[in-house]
């Protein structure tokens, strides 16, 4: 059931700038997800509207958009850790419109202060990880300058589903990073 709802949300997010008419949405669901039953699609659309995730605007036919009042985290949590859809989600018009500097800079600053710097310092204290951390710091000297670091990390949040997930859900992200250093090295290598 979440699979179908996520498919609906993804299609609506791809067309969020102008919205998508319901017949076109049903056609895309048939094509992309092999979902054929109109009654089931209408049921899912109604549930997503009742959950205040989607918004229906009536004109000649129903036009669906992401509800502008919905918390971005509510939508993002469905896709950022989904390896099949996270890159597609990042490229939707919905995400591109949300990820402004005004939205990202406070999140990135909060992450740097509460998670990034303490975690980094903690890793440098680990004898096994210290050489890897020193290599990363030598490859990316901009991480030492606070203004440049903010610019780089804000840009990275627009490109990397993994880093966007880290700044939106820092506690969950730190737990994940603590158990596996490789994702950290992977997302820093995207610079």
Foldseek 3Di string as FASTA:
>chain_A
DVVLLLLLQLVQQQVQVPFDFPVVSQVVCCVVVVDHDPVVNVVSVVVCVVVQQWDWDDDVGTTIHGRPPDDVCVSLVSALVPVVCNQSSLPGPNNVVQLDCVNVLVLVVVCCVPPVVVVLVVQCVDPVRVVVSVVLCVVCVLCVPPVSVSVVLSVLCSRHSLSVCCSVPVVVSNVVCVVPVVVVVVSSVVD
